[in-house]
Structure formats: C-alpha cells, structure tokens
Amino acid sequence: EHLELITADPAPLAAKVENAGAVFVGAYAPVSLGDYVAGPNHTLPTAGAARFSSPLGVYNFLKRTSVASLNRGDLEMLREACVALAKLEGLTAHAHAVEVRLE
C-alpha cells in the first residue's frame, strides 16, 4: 500500500520499486502528506494488489473501447489459428464467421 523510502539517497531505490500503491521518497515526504495535500490518490490497492493494480485515478473513470480493423490478407494470415481456437472452445459459429468471409 504505502512505502516510505527514508535513506541518505532514496531516489535510486524508488526507481527499483515495482509493487507499491504509493511511494514516498525522502525524509520530507511522509504518508500523511500524500494522503491529504501532495496530490497522490489516497485510494490505493491493498493486500498485495499493487502487484497487478494501480491507485484509483482518472483513467478509472474513462470508458475504453477495443477496435480491430483487418484486411483480407490479415484475416487469411490469422485464419488457421482463429478457427482452431474457436473449434477448441466449441464455438463453431465463431469459426464459421472466419471461414465464410474467405469463401
């Protein structure tokens, strides 16, 4: 969740941190400053969730959409793998959706 690095030279250590919700670097950056006035969000991943999650931020409130755009050659190149995976999952209509486009 919170990590304070209070050493003679904390910056090199901070650069190596991979899993922390918030890092407070140096003797003059206490957690309380980050919680109330410095700007970092106080809603942090807990219980080890910093390994795969980030603090709450503006991106949590944005809606994203995935877009795929392929040409015929792209589909031909991906056909075999896509059809095989679809059939492996028992989704024959997905496999057919690829095949029918290339007839």
PDB file of N, CA and C in Angstrom:
ATOM      1  N   GLU A   1       0.841  -1.187   0.000  1.00  0.00           N
ATOM      2  CA  GLU A   1       0.000   0.000   0.000  1.00  0.00           C
ATOM      3  C   GLU A   1       0.883   1.246   0.000  1.00  0.00           C
ATOM      4  N   HIS A   2       1.382   1.669   1.151  1.00  0.00           N
ATOM      5  CA  HIS A   2       2.268   2.830   1.249  1.00  0.00           C
ATOM      6  C   HIS A   2       3.702   2.345   1.448  1.00  0.00           C
ATOM      7  N   LEU A   3       4.638   3.029   0.822  1.00  0.00           N
ATOM      8  CA  LEU A   3       6.049   2.719   1.019  1.00  0.00           C
ATOM      9  C   LEU A   3       6.798   4.023   1.215  1.00  0.00           C
ATOM     10  N   GLU A   4       7.465   4.152   2.350  1.00  0.00           N
ATOM     11  CA  GLU A   4       8.317   5.314   2.606  1.00  0.00           C
ATOM     12  C   GLU A   4       9.764   4.881   2.449  1.00  0.00           C
ATOM     13  N   LEU A   5      10.520   5.625   1.650  1.00  0.00           N
ATOM     14  CA  LEU A   5      11.951   5.369   1.480  1.00  0.00           C
ATOM     15  C   LEU A   5      12.701   6.511   2.141  1.00  0.00           C
ATOM     16  N   ILE A   6      13.219   6.245   3.317  1.00  0.00           N
ATOM     17  CA  ILE A   6      13.923   7.275   4.074  1.00  0.00           C
ATOM     18  C   ILE A   6      15.357   6.798   4.257  1.00  0.00           C
ATOM     19  N   THR A   7      16.202   7.139   3.310  1.00  0.00           N
ATOM     20  CA  THR A   7      17.617   6.787   3.348  1.00  0.00           C
ATOM     21  C   THR A   7      18.413   8.008   2.928  1.00  0.00           C
ATOM     22  N   ALA A   8      19.732   7.898   2.978  1.00  0.00           N
ATOM     23  CA  ALA A   8      20.579   9.018   2.564  1.00  0.00           C
ATOM     24  C   ALA A   8      20.375   9.344   1.090  1.00  0.00           C
ATOM     25  N   ASP A   9      20.105   8.333   0.270  1.00  0.00           N
ATOM     26  CA  ASP A   9      19.910   8.537  -1.169  1.00  0.00           C
ATOM     27  C   ASP A   9      18.738   7.668  -1.645  1.00  0.00           C
ATOM     28  N   PRO A  10      17.505   8.112  -1.438  1.00  0.00           N
ATOM     29  CA  PRO A  10      16.348   7.268  -1.730  1.00  0.00           C
ATOM     30  C   PRO A  10      15.966   7.158  -3.209  1.00  0.00           C
ATOM     31  N   ALA A  11      16.381   8.098  -4.038  1.00  0.00           N
ATOM     32  CA  ALA A  11      15.945   8.104  -5.443  1.00  0.00           C
ATOM     33  C   ALA A  11      16.299   6.815  -6.191  1.00  0.00           C
ATOM     34  N   PRO A  12      17.523   6.290  -6.077  1.00  0.00           N
ATOM     35  CA  PRO A  12      17.821   5.041  -6.782  1.00  0.00           C
ATOM     36  C   PRO A  12      16.942   3.874  -6.322  1.00  0.00           C
ATOM     37  N   LEU A  13      16.597   3.857  -5.049  1.00  0.00           N
ATOM     38  CA  LEU A  13      15.703   2.808  -4.551  1.00  0.00           C
ATOM     39  C   LEU A  13      14.302   2.977  -5.124  1.00  0.00           C
ATOM     40  N   ALA A  14      13.834   4.200  -5.189  1.00  0.00           N
ATOM     41  CA  ALA A  14      12.492   4.475  -5.716  1.00  0.00           C
ATOM     42  C   ALA A  14      12.367   3.993  -7.156  1.00  0.00           C
ATOM     43  N   ALA A  15      13.434   4.130  -7.920  1.00  0.00           N
ATOM     44  CA  ALA A  15      13.410   3.712  -9.325  1.00  0.00           C
ATOM     45  C   ALA A  15      13.259   2.197  -9.465  1.00  0.00           C
ATOM     46  N   LYS A  16      13.571   1.459  -8.407  1.00  0.00           N
ATOM     47  CA  LYS A  16      13.502  -0.001  -8.459  1.00  0.00           C
ATOM     48  C   LYS A  16      12.185  -0.568  -7.926  1.00  0.00           C
ATOM     49  N   VAL A  17      11.358   0.268  -7.354  1.00  0.00           N
ATOM     50  CA  VAL A  17      10.100  -0.207  -6.770  1.00  0.00           C
ATOM     51  C   VAL A  17       9.148  -0.635  -7.884  1.00  0.00           C
ATOM     52  N   GLU A  18       8.623  -1.836  -7.769  1.00  0.00           N
ATOM     53  CA  GLU A  18       7.688  -2.350  -8.770  1.00  0.00           C
ATOM     54  C   GLU A  18       6.276  -2.521  -8.232  1.00  0.00           C
ATOM     55  N   ASN A  19       6.140  -2.781  -6.946  1.00  0.00           N
ATOM     56  CA  ASN A  19       4.825  -3.102  -6.394  1.00  0.00           C
ATOM     57  C   ASN A  19       4.537  -2.300  -5.132  1.00  0.00           C
ATOM     58  N   ALA A  20       4.002  -1.126  -5.316  1.00  0.00           N
ATOM     59  CA  ALA A  20       3.565  -0.297  -4.191  1.00  0.00           C
ATOM     60  C   ALA A  20       2.444   0.597  -4.687  1.00  0.00           C
ATOM     61  N   GLY A  21       1.472   0.831  -3.850  1.00  0.00           N
ATOM     62  CA  GLY A  21       0.378   1.720  -4.229  1.00  0.00           C
ATOM     63  C   GLY A  21       0.830   3.157  -4.308  1.00  0.00           C
ATOM     64  N   ALA A  22       1.680   3.562  -3.370  1.00  0.00           N
ATOM     65  CA  ALA A  22       2.217   4.927  -3.347  1.00  0.00           C
ATOM     66  C   ALA A  22       3.601   4.880  -2.720  1.00  0.00           C
ATOM     67  N   VAL A  23       4.547   5.597  -3.298  1.00  0.00           N
ATOM     68  CA  VAL A  23       5.916   5.636  -2.800  1.00  0.00           C
ATOM     69  C   VAL A  23       6.219   7.055  -2.347  1.00  0.00           C
ATOM     70  N   PHE A  24       6.692   7.188  -1.127  1.00  0.00           N
ATOM     71  CA  PHE A  24       7.049   8.487  -0.561  1.00  0.00           C
ATOM     72  C   PHE A  24       8.559   8.509  -0.407  1.00  0.00           C
ATOM     73  N   VAL A  25       9.197   9.398  -1.153  1.00  0.00           N
ATOM     74  CA  VAL A  25      10.646   9.385  -1.302  1.00  0.00           C
ATOM     75  C   VAL A  25      11.286  10.481  -0.459  1.00  0.00           C
ATOM     76  N   GLY A  26      12.100  10.065   0.503  1.00  0.00           N
ATOM     77  CA  GLY A  26      12.863  11.001   1.306  1.00  0.00           C
ATOM     78  C   GLY A  26      12.221  11.312   2.649  1.00  0.00           C
ATOM     79  N   ALA A  27      13.030  11.916   3.520  1.00  0.00           N
ATOM     80  CA  ALA A  27      12.607  12.210   4.892  1.00  0.00           C
ATOM     81  C   ALA A  27      11.506  13.254   4.968  1.00  0.00           C
ATOM     82  N   TYR A  28      11.324  14.030   3.915  1.00  0.00           N
ATOM     83  CA  TYR A  28      10.332  15.112   3.951  1.00  0.00           C
ATOM     84  C   TYR A  28       9.074  14.784   3.144  1.00  0.00           C
ATOM     85  N   ALA A  29       8.847  13.502   2.898  1.00  0.00           N
ATOM     86  CA  ALA A  29       7.658  13.073   2.153  1.00  0.00           C
ATOM     87  C   ALA A  29       6.909  12.008   2.953  1.00  0.00           C
ATOM     88  N   PRO A  30       6.282  12.397   4.064  1.00  0.00           N
ATOM     89  CA  PRO A  30       5.549  11.413   4.863  1.00  0.00           C
ATOM     90  C   PRO A  30       4.242  10.985   4.190  1.00  0.00           C
ATOM     91  N   VAL A  31       3.756   9.827   4.553  1.00  0.00           N
ATOM     92  CA  VAL A  31       2.496   9.311   4.021  1.00  0.00           C
ATOM     93  C   VAL A  31       1.371  10.312   4.239  1.00  0.00           C
ATOM     94  N   SER A  32       1.341  10.946   5.395  1.00  0.00           N
ATOM     95  CA  SER A  32       0.259  11.894   5.686  1.00  0.00           C
ATOM     96  C   SER A  32       0.213  13.026   4.667  1.00  0.00           C
ATOM     97  N   LEU A  33       1.350  13.452   4.171  1.00  0.00           N
ATOM     98  CA  LEU A  33       1.382  14.494   3.140  1.00  0.00           C
ATOM     99  C   LEU A  33       0.699  13.989   1.866  1.00  0.00           C
ATOM    100  N   GLY A  34       0.993  12.752   1.496  1.00  0.00           N
ATOM    101  CA  GLY A  34       0.372  12.176   0.308  1.00  0.00           C
ATOM    102  C   GLY A  34      -1.115  11.944   0.478  1.00  0.00           C
ATOM    103  N   ASP A  35      -1.508  11.568   1.685  1.00  0.00           N
ATOM    104  CA  ASP A  35      -2.927  11.317   1.939  1.00  0.00           C
ATOM    105  C   ASP A  35      -3.768  12.583   1.874  1.00  0.00           C
ATOM    106  N   TYR A  36      -3.188  13.718   2.250  1.00  0.00           N
ATOM    107  CA  TYR A  36      -4.010  14.918   2.396  1.00  0.00           C
ATOM    108  C   TYR A  36      -3.715  16.068   1.445  1.00  0.00           C
ATOM    109  N   VAL A  37      -2.456  16.319   1.099  1.00  0.00           N
ATOM    110  CA  VAL A  37      -2.192  17.558   0.354  1.00  0.00           C
ATOM    111  C   VAL A  37      -1.256  17.459  -0.842  1.00  0.00           C
ATOM    112  N   ALA A  38      -0.497  16.383  -0.999  1.00  0.00           N
ATOM    113  CA  ALA A  38       0.514  16.346  -2.064  1.00  0.00           C
ATOM    114  C   ALA A  38      -0.061  16.000  -3.434  1.00  0.00           C
ATOM    115  N   GLY A  39      -1.215  15.362  -3.477  1.00  0.00           N
ATOM    116  CA  GLY A  39      -1.821  15.063  -4.768  1.00  0.00           C
ATOM    117  C   GLY A  39      -2.037  13.603  -5.084  1.00  0.00           C
ATOM    118  N   PRO A  40      -1.167  12.670  -4.643  1.00  0.00           N
ATOM    119  CA  PRO A  40      -1.438  11.271  -4.953  1.00  0.00           C
ATOM    120  C   PRO A  40      -2.778  10.840  -4.370  1.00  0.00           C
ATOM    121  N   ASN A  41      -3.444   9.952  -5.063  1.00  0.00           N
ATOM    122  CA  ASN A  41      -4.740   9.489  -4.592  1.00  0.00           C
ATOM    123  C   ASN A  41      -4.577   8.631  -3.355  1.00  0.00           C
ATOM    124  N   HIS A  42      -5.482   8.779  -2.430  1.00  0.00           N
ATOM    125  CA  HIS A  42      -5.439   8.022  -1.179  1.00  0.00           C
ATOM    126  C   HIS A  42      -6.083   6.641  -1.325  1.00  0.00           C
ATOM    127  N   THR A  43      -6.786   6.395  -2.411  1.00  0.00           N
ATOM    128  CA  THR A  43      -7.421   5.097  -2.628  1.00  0.00           C
ATOM    129  C   THR A  43      -6.421   4.185  -3.326  1.00  0.00           C
ATOM    130  N   LEU A  44      -5.765   3.342  -2.538  1.00  0.00           N
ATOM    131  CA  LEU A  44      -4.651   2.529  -3.020  1.00  0.00           C
ATOM    132  C   LEU A  44      -5.002   1.044  -3.008  1.00  0.00           C
ATOM    133  N   PRO A  45      -4.327   0.260  -3.855  1.00  0.00           N
ATOM    134  CA  PRO A  45      -4.520  -1.186  -3.808  1.00  0.00           C
ATOM    135  C   PRO A  45      -3.949  -1.736  -2.498  1.00  0.00           C
ATOM    136  N   THR A  46      -4.660  -2.656  -1.872  1.00  0.00           N
ATOM    137  CA  THR A  46      -4.215  -3.238  -0.607  1.00  0.00           C
ATOM    138  C   THR A  46      -4.073  -4.746  -0.741  1.00  0.00           C
ATOM    139  N   ALA A  47      -3.588  -5.371   0.308  1.00  0.00           N
ATOM    140  CA  ALA A  47      -3.467  -6.838   0.389  1.00  0.00           C
ATOM    141  C   ALA A  47      -2.658  -7.422  -0.769  1.00  0.00           C
ATOM    142  N   GLY A  48      -1.606  -6.738  -1.178  1.00  0.00           N
ATOM    143  CA  GLY A  48      -0.754  -7.235  -2.255  1.00  0.00           C
ATOM    144  C   GLY A  48      -1.259  -6.945  -3.651  1.00  0.00           C
ATOM    145  N   ALA A  49      -2.383  -6.249  -3.766  1.00  0.00           N
ATOM    146  CA  ALA A  49      -2.964  -5.980  -5.087  1.00  0.00           C
ATOM    147  C   ALA A  49      -2.115  -5.036  -5.930  1.00  0.00           C
ATOM    148  N   ALA A  50      -1.138  -4.364  -5.339  1.00  0.00           N
ATOM    149  CA  ALA A  50      -0.265  -3.478  -6.114  1.00  0.00           C
ATOM    150  C   ALA A  50       0.570  -4.256  -7.127  1.00  0.00           C
ATOM    151  N   ARG A  51       0.609  -5.586  -7.002  1.00  0.00           N
ATOM    152  CA  ARG A  51       1.316  -6.401  -7.998  1.00  0.00           C
ATOM    153  C   ARG A  51       0.634  -6.341  -9.349  1.00  0.00           C
ATOM    154  N   PHE A  52      -0.680  -6.069  -9.373  1.00  0.00           N
ATOM    155  CA  PHE A  52      -1.409  -6.069 -10.640  1.00  0.00           C
ATOM    156  C   PHE A  52      -2.360  -4.891 -10.800  1.00  0.00           C
ATOM    157  N   SER A  53      -2.412  -4.008  -9.821  1.00  0.00           N
ATOM    158  CA  SER A  53      -3.363  -2.905  -9.879  1.00  0.00           C
ATOM    159  C   SER A  53      -2.687  -1.598  -9.491  1.00  0.00           C
ATOM    160  N   SER A  54      -3.347  -0.490  -9.786  1.00  0.00           N
ATOM    161  CA  SER A  54      -2.808   0.840  -9.518  1.00  0.00           C
ATOM    162  C   SER A  54      -3.743   1.596  -8.585  1.00  0.00           C
ATOM    163  N   PRO A  55      -3.265   2.714  -8.038  1.00  0.00           N
ATOM    164  CA  PRO A  55      -4.175   3.554  -7.254  1.00  0.00           C
ATOM    165  C   PRO A  55      -5.330   4.046  -8.127  1.00  0.00           C
ATOM    166  N   LEU A  56      -6.437   4.358  -7.485  1.00  0.00           N
ATOM    167  CA  LEU A  56      -7.568   4.930  -8.199  1.00  0.00           C
ATOM    168  C   LEU A  56      -7.127   6.226  -8.860  1.00  0.00           C
ATOM    169  N   GLY A  57      -7.478   6.405 -10.111  1.00  0.00           N
ATOM    170  CA  GLY A  57      -7.080   7.612 -10.834  1.00  0.00           C
ATOM    171  C   GLY A  57      -8.083   7.968 -11.908  1.00  0.00           C
ATOM    172  N   VAL A  58      -7.777   8.992 -12.655  1.00  0.00           N
ATOM    173  CA  VAL A  58      -8.692   9.493 -13.673  1.00  0.00           C
ATOM    174  C   VAL A  58      -9.026   8.431 -14.718  1.00  0.00           C
ATOM    175  N   TYR A  59      -8.092   7.535 -15.013  1.00  0.00           N
ATOM    176  CA  TYR A  59      -8.345   6.516 -16.030  1.00  0.00           C
ATOM    177  C   TYR A  59      -9.415   5.510 -15.594  1.00  0.00           C
ATOM    178  N   ASN A  60      -9.657   5.395 -14.289  1.00  0.00           N
ATOM    179  CA  ASN A  60     -10.728   4.519 -13.822  1.00  0.00           C
ATOM    180  C   ASN A  60     -12.108   5.039 -14.199  1.00  0.00           C
ATOM    181  N   PHE A  61     -12.195   6.293 -14.575  1.00  0.00           N
ATOM    182  CA  PHE A  61     -13.478   6.904 -14.899  1.00  0.00           C
ATOM    183  C   PHE A  61     -13.644   7.155 -16.396  1.00  0.00           C
ATOM    184  N   LEU A  62     -12.714   6.632 -17.190  1.00  0.00           N
ATOM    185  CA  LEU A  62     -12.804   6.745 -18.638  1.00  0.00           C
ATOM    186  C   LEU A  62     -13.292   5.422 -19.209  1.00  0.00           C
ATOM    187  N   LYS A  63     -14.122   5.491 -20.202  1.00  0.00           N
ATOM    188  CA  LYS A  63     -14.612   4.298 -20.884  1.00  0.00           C
ATOM    189  C   LYS A  63     -13.735   4.046 -22.107  1.00  0.00           C
ATOM    190  N   ARG A  64     -13.224   2.848 -22.201  1.00  0.00           N
ATOM    191  CA  ARG A  64     -12.387   2.491 -23.344  1.00  0.00           C
ATOM    192  C   ARG A  64     -13.124   1.508 -24.232  1.00  0.00           C
ATOM    193  N   THR A  65     -12.765   1.496 -25.495  1.00  0.00           N
ATOM    194  CA  THR A  65     -13.329   0.560 -26.453  1.00  0.00           C
ATOM    195  C   THR A  65     -12.199  -0.068 -27.247  1.00  0.00           C
ATOM    196  N   SER A  66     -12.270  -1.365 -27.445  1.00  0.00           N
ATOM    197  CA  SER A  66     -11.292  -2.056 -28.279  1.00  0.00           C
ATOM    198  C   SER A  66     -11.762  -2.012 -29.725  1.00  0.00           C
ATOM    199  N   VAL A  67     -10.834  -1.804 -30.649  1.00  0.00           N
ATOM    200  CA  VAL A  67     -11.160  -1.729 -32.071  1.00  0.00           C
ATOM    201  C   VAL A  67     -10.218  -2.653 -32.832  1.00  0.00           C
ATOM    202  N   ALA A  68     -10.779  -3.472 -33.705  1.00  0.00           N
ATOM    203  CA  ALA A  68      -9.978  -4.329 -34.575  1.00  0.00           C
ATOM    204  C   ALA A  68     -10.332  -4.002 -36.016  1.00  0.00           C
ATOM    205  N   SER A  69      -9.316  -3.773 -36.831  1.00  0.00           N
ATOM    206  CA  SER A  69      -9.524  -3.476 -38.248  1.00  0.00           C
ATOM    207  C   SER A  69      -8.519  -4.298 -39.048  1.00  0.00           C
ATOM    208  N   LEU A  70      -9.032  -5.221 -39.862  1.00  0.00           N
ATOM    209  CA  LEU A  70      -8.167  -6.096 -40.643  1.00  0.00           C
ATOM    210  C   LEU A  70      -8.582  -6.065 -42.102  1.00  0.00           C
ATOM    211  N   ASN A  71      -7.628  -6.349 -42.963  1.00  0.00           N
ATOM    212  CA  ASN A  71      -7.969  -6.520 -44.374  1.00  0.00           C
ATOM    213  C   ASN A  71      -8.009  -8.026 -44.667  1.00  0.00           C
ATOM    214  N   ARG A  72      -8.360  -8.379 -45.895  1.00  0.00           N
ATOM    215  CA  ARG A  72      -8.496  -9.788 -46.252  1.00  0.00           C
ATOM    216  C   ARG A  72      -7.199 -10.564 -46.003  1.00  0.00           C
ATOM    217  N   GLY A  73      -6.077  -9.961 -46.353  1.00  0.00           N
ATOM    218  CA  GLY A  73      -4.794 -10.631 -46.146  1.00  0.00           C
ATOM    219  C   GLY A  73      -4.522 -10.903 -44.673  1.00  0.00           C
ATOM    220  N   ASP A  74      -4.885  -9.954 -43.828  1.00  0.00           N
ATOM    221  CA  ASP A  74      -4.723 -10.154 -42.386  1.00  0.00           C
ATOM    222  C   ASP A  74      -5.549 -11.351 -41.916  1.00  0.00           C
ATOM    223  N   LEU A  75      -6.815 -11.400 -42.360  1.00  0.00           N
ATOM    224  CA  LEU A  75      -7.695 -12.497 -41.954  1.00  0.00           C
ATOM    225  C   LEU A  75      -7.179 -13.834 -42.483  1.00  0.00           C
ATOM    226  N   GLU A  76      -6.684 -13.837 -43.702  1.00  0.00           N
ATOM    227  CA  GLU A  76      -6.122 -15.074 -44.259  1.00  0.00           C
ATOM    228  C   GLU A  76      -4.939 -15.551 -43.417  1.00  0.00           C
ATOM    229  N   MET A  77      -4.116 -14.612 -42.980  1.00  0.00           N
ATOM    230  CA  MET A  77      -2.944 -14.951 -42.187  1.00  0.00           C
ATOM    231  C   MET A  77      -3.339 -15.508 -40.807  1.00  0.00           C
ATOM    232  N   LEU A  78      -4.415 -15.002 -40.237  1.00  0.00           N
ATOM    233  CA  LEU A  78      -4.836 -15.405 -38.898  1.00  0.00           C
ATOM    234  C   LEU A  78      -5.878 -16.524 -38.897  1.00  0.00           C
ATOM    235  N   ARG A  79      -6.354 -16.870 -40.055  1.00  0.00           N
ATOM    236  CA  ARG A  79      -7.458 -17.827 -40.214  1.00  0.00           C
ATOM    237  C   ARG A  79      -7.228 -19.130 -39.460  1.00  0.00           C
ATOM    238  N   GLU A  80      -6.142 -19.793 -39.742  1.00  0.00           N
ATOM    239  CA  GLU A  80      -5.904 -21.125 -39.185  1.00  0.00           C
ATOM    240  C   GLU A  80      -5.924 -21.104 -37.657  1.00  0.00           C
ATOM    241  N   ALA A  81      -5.210 -20.168 -37.071  1.00  0.00           N
ATOM    242  CA  ALA A  81      -5.151 -20.094 -35.608  1.00  0.00           C
ATOM    243  C   ALA A  81      -6.511 -19.752 -35.018  1.00  0.00           C
ATOM    244  N   CYS A  82      -7.204 -18.807 -35.617  1.00  0.00           N
ATOM    245  CA  CYS A  82      -8.501 -18.383 -35.101  1.00  0.00           C
ATOM    246  C   CYS A  82      -9.528 -19.509 -35.173  1.00  0.00           C
ATOM    247  N   VAL A  83      -9.594 -20.171 -36.303  1.00  0.00           N
ATOM    248  CA  VAL A  83     -10.549 -21.266 -36.479  1.00  0.00           C
ATOM    249  C   VAL A  83     -10.228 -22.399 -35.504  1.00  0.00           C
ATOM    250  N   ALA A  84      -8.951 -22.725 -35.362  1.00  0.00           N
ATOM    251  CA  ALA A  84      -8.561 -23.805 -34.452  1.00  0.00           C
ATOM    252  C   ALA A  84      -8.953 -23.476 -33.012  1.00  0.00           C
ATOM    253  N   LEU A  85      -8.695 -22.258 -32.575  1.00  0.00           N
ATOM    254  CA  LEU A  85      -9.044 -21.871 -31.207  1.00  0.00           C
ATOM    255  C   LEU A  85     -10.555 -21.858 -30.997  1.00  0.00           C
ATOM    256  N   ALA A  86     -11.282 -21.350 -31.971  1.00  0.00           N
ATOM    257  CA  ALA A  86     -12.743 -21.318 -31.859  1.00  0.00           C
ATOM    258  C   ALA A  86     -13.306 -22.729 -31.743  1.00  0.00           C
ATOM    259  N   LYS A  87     -12.814 -23.634 -32.571  1.00  0.00           N
ATOM    260  CA  LYS A  87     -13.300 -25.015 -32.524  1.00  0.00           C
ATOM    261  C   LYS A  87     -12.895 -25.705 -31.222  1.00  0.00           C
ATOM    262  N   LEU A  88     -11.703 -25.407 -30.738  1.00  0.00           N
ATOM    263  CA  LEU A  88     -11.232 -25.978 -29.477  1.00  0.00           C
ATOM    264  C   LEU A  88     -12.154 -25.579 -28.325  1.00  0.00           C
ATOM    265  N   GLU A  89     -12.677 -24.371 -28.386  1.00  0.00           N
ATOM    266  CA  GLU A  89     -13.599 -23.895 -27.353  1.00  0.00           C
ATOM    267  C   GLU A  89     -15.043 -24.320 -27.625  1.00  0.00           C
ATOM    268  N   GLY A  90     -15.266 -24.986 -28.741  1.00  0.00           N
ATOM    269  CA  GLY A  90     -16.615 -25.415 -29.078  1.00  0.00           C
ATOM    270  C   GLY A  90     -17.473 -24.296 -29.641  1.00  0.00           C
ATOM    271  N   LEU A  91     -16.850 -23.238 -30.110  1.00  0.00           N
ATOM    272  CA  LEU A  91     -17.574 -22.085 -30.655  1.00  0.00           C
ATOM    273  C   LEU A  91     -17.537 -22.151 -32.180  1.00  0.00           C
ATOM    274  N   THR A  92     -18.280 -23.086 -32.720  1.00  0.00           N
ATOM    275  CA  THR A  92     -18.241 -23.333 -34.158  1.00  0.00           C
ATOM    276  C   THR A  92     -18.750 -22.146 -34.970  1.00  0.00           C
ATOM    277  N   ALA A  93     -19.664 -21.363 -34.426  1.00  0.00           N
ATOM    278  CA  ALA A  93     -20.146 -20.182 -35.157  1.00  0.00           C
ATOM    279  C   ALA A  93     -19.027 -19.147 -35.305  1.00  0.00           C
ATOM    280  N   HIS A  94     -18.153 -19.047 -34.305  1.00  0.00           N
ATOM    281  CA  HIS A  94     -17.007 -18.137 -34.431  1.00  0.00           C
ATOM    282  C   HIS A  94     -16.083 -18.615 -35.555  1.00  0.00           C
ATOM    283  N   ALA A  95     -15.841 -19.916 -35.606  1.00  0.00           N
ATOM    284  CA  ALA A  95     -15.014 -20.475 -36.676  1.00  0.00           C
ATOM    285  C   ALA A  95     -15.664 -20.215 -38.030  1.00  0.00           C
ATOM    286  N   HIS A  96     -16.964 -20.418 -38.113  1.00  0.00           N
ATOM    287  CA  HIS A  96     -17.694 -20.194 -39.366  1.00  0.00           C
ATOM    288  C   HIS A  96     -17.633 -18.724 -39.787  1.00  0.00           C
ATOM    289  N   ALA A  97     -17.666 -17.798 -38.826  1.00  0.00           N
ATOM    290  CA  ALA A  97     -17.613 -16.367 -39.148  1.00  0.00           C
ATOM    291  C   ALA A  97     -16.317 -16.010 -39.868  1.00  0.00           C
ATOM    292  N   VAL A  98     -15.247 -16.719 -39.554  1.00  0.00           N
ATOM    293  CA  VAL A  98     -13.975 -16.506 -40.253  1.00  0.00           C
ATOM    294  C   VAL A  98     -14.038 -17.155 -41.632  1.00  0.00           C
ATOM    295  N   GLU A  99     -14.428 -18.408 -41.661  1.00  0.00           N
ATOM    296  CA  GLU A  99     -14.431 -19.169 -42.913  1.00  0.00           C
ATOM    297  C   GLU A  99     -15.325 -18.531 -43.977  1.00  0.00           C
ATOM    298  N   VAL A 100     -16.520 -18.090 -43.603  1.00  0.00           N
ATOM    299  CA  VAL A 100     -17.464 -17.556 -44.581  1.00  0.00           C
ATOM    300  C   VAL A 100     -16.947 -16.262 -45.216  1.00  0.00           C
ATOM    301  N   ARG A 101     -16.156 -15.517 -44.487  1.00  0.00           N
ATOM    302  CA  ARG A 101     -15.612 -14.267 -45.035  1.00  0.00           C
ATOM    303  C   ARG A 101     -14.539 -14.521 -46.089  1.00  0.00           C
ATOM    304  N   LEU A 102     -13.977 -15.723 -46.084  1.00  0.00           N
ATOM    305  CA  LEU A 102     -12.899 -16.029 -47.022  1.00  0.00           C
ATOM    306  C   LEU A 102     -13.350 -16.957 -48.149  1.00  0.00           C
ATOM    307  N   GLU A 103     -14.651 -17.213 -48.261  1.00  0.00           N
ATOM    308  CA  GLU A 103     -15.155 -18.059 -49.354  1.00  0.00           C
ATOM    309  C   GLU A 103     -15.122 -17.307 -50.661  1.00  0.00           C
TER     310      GLU A 103
END
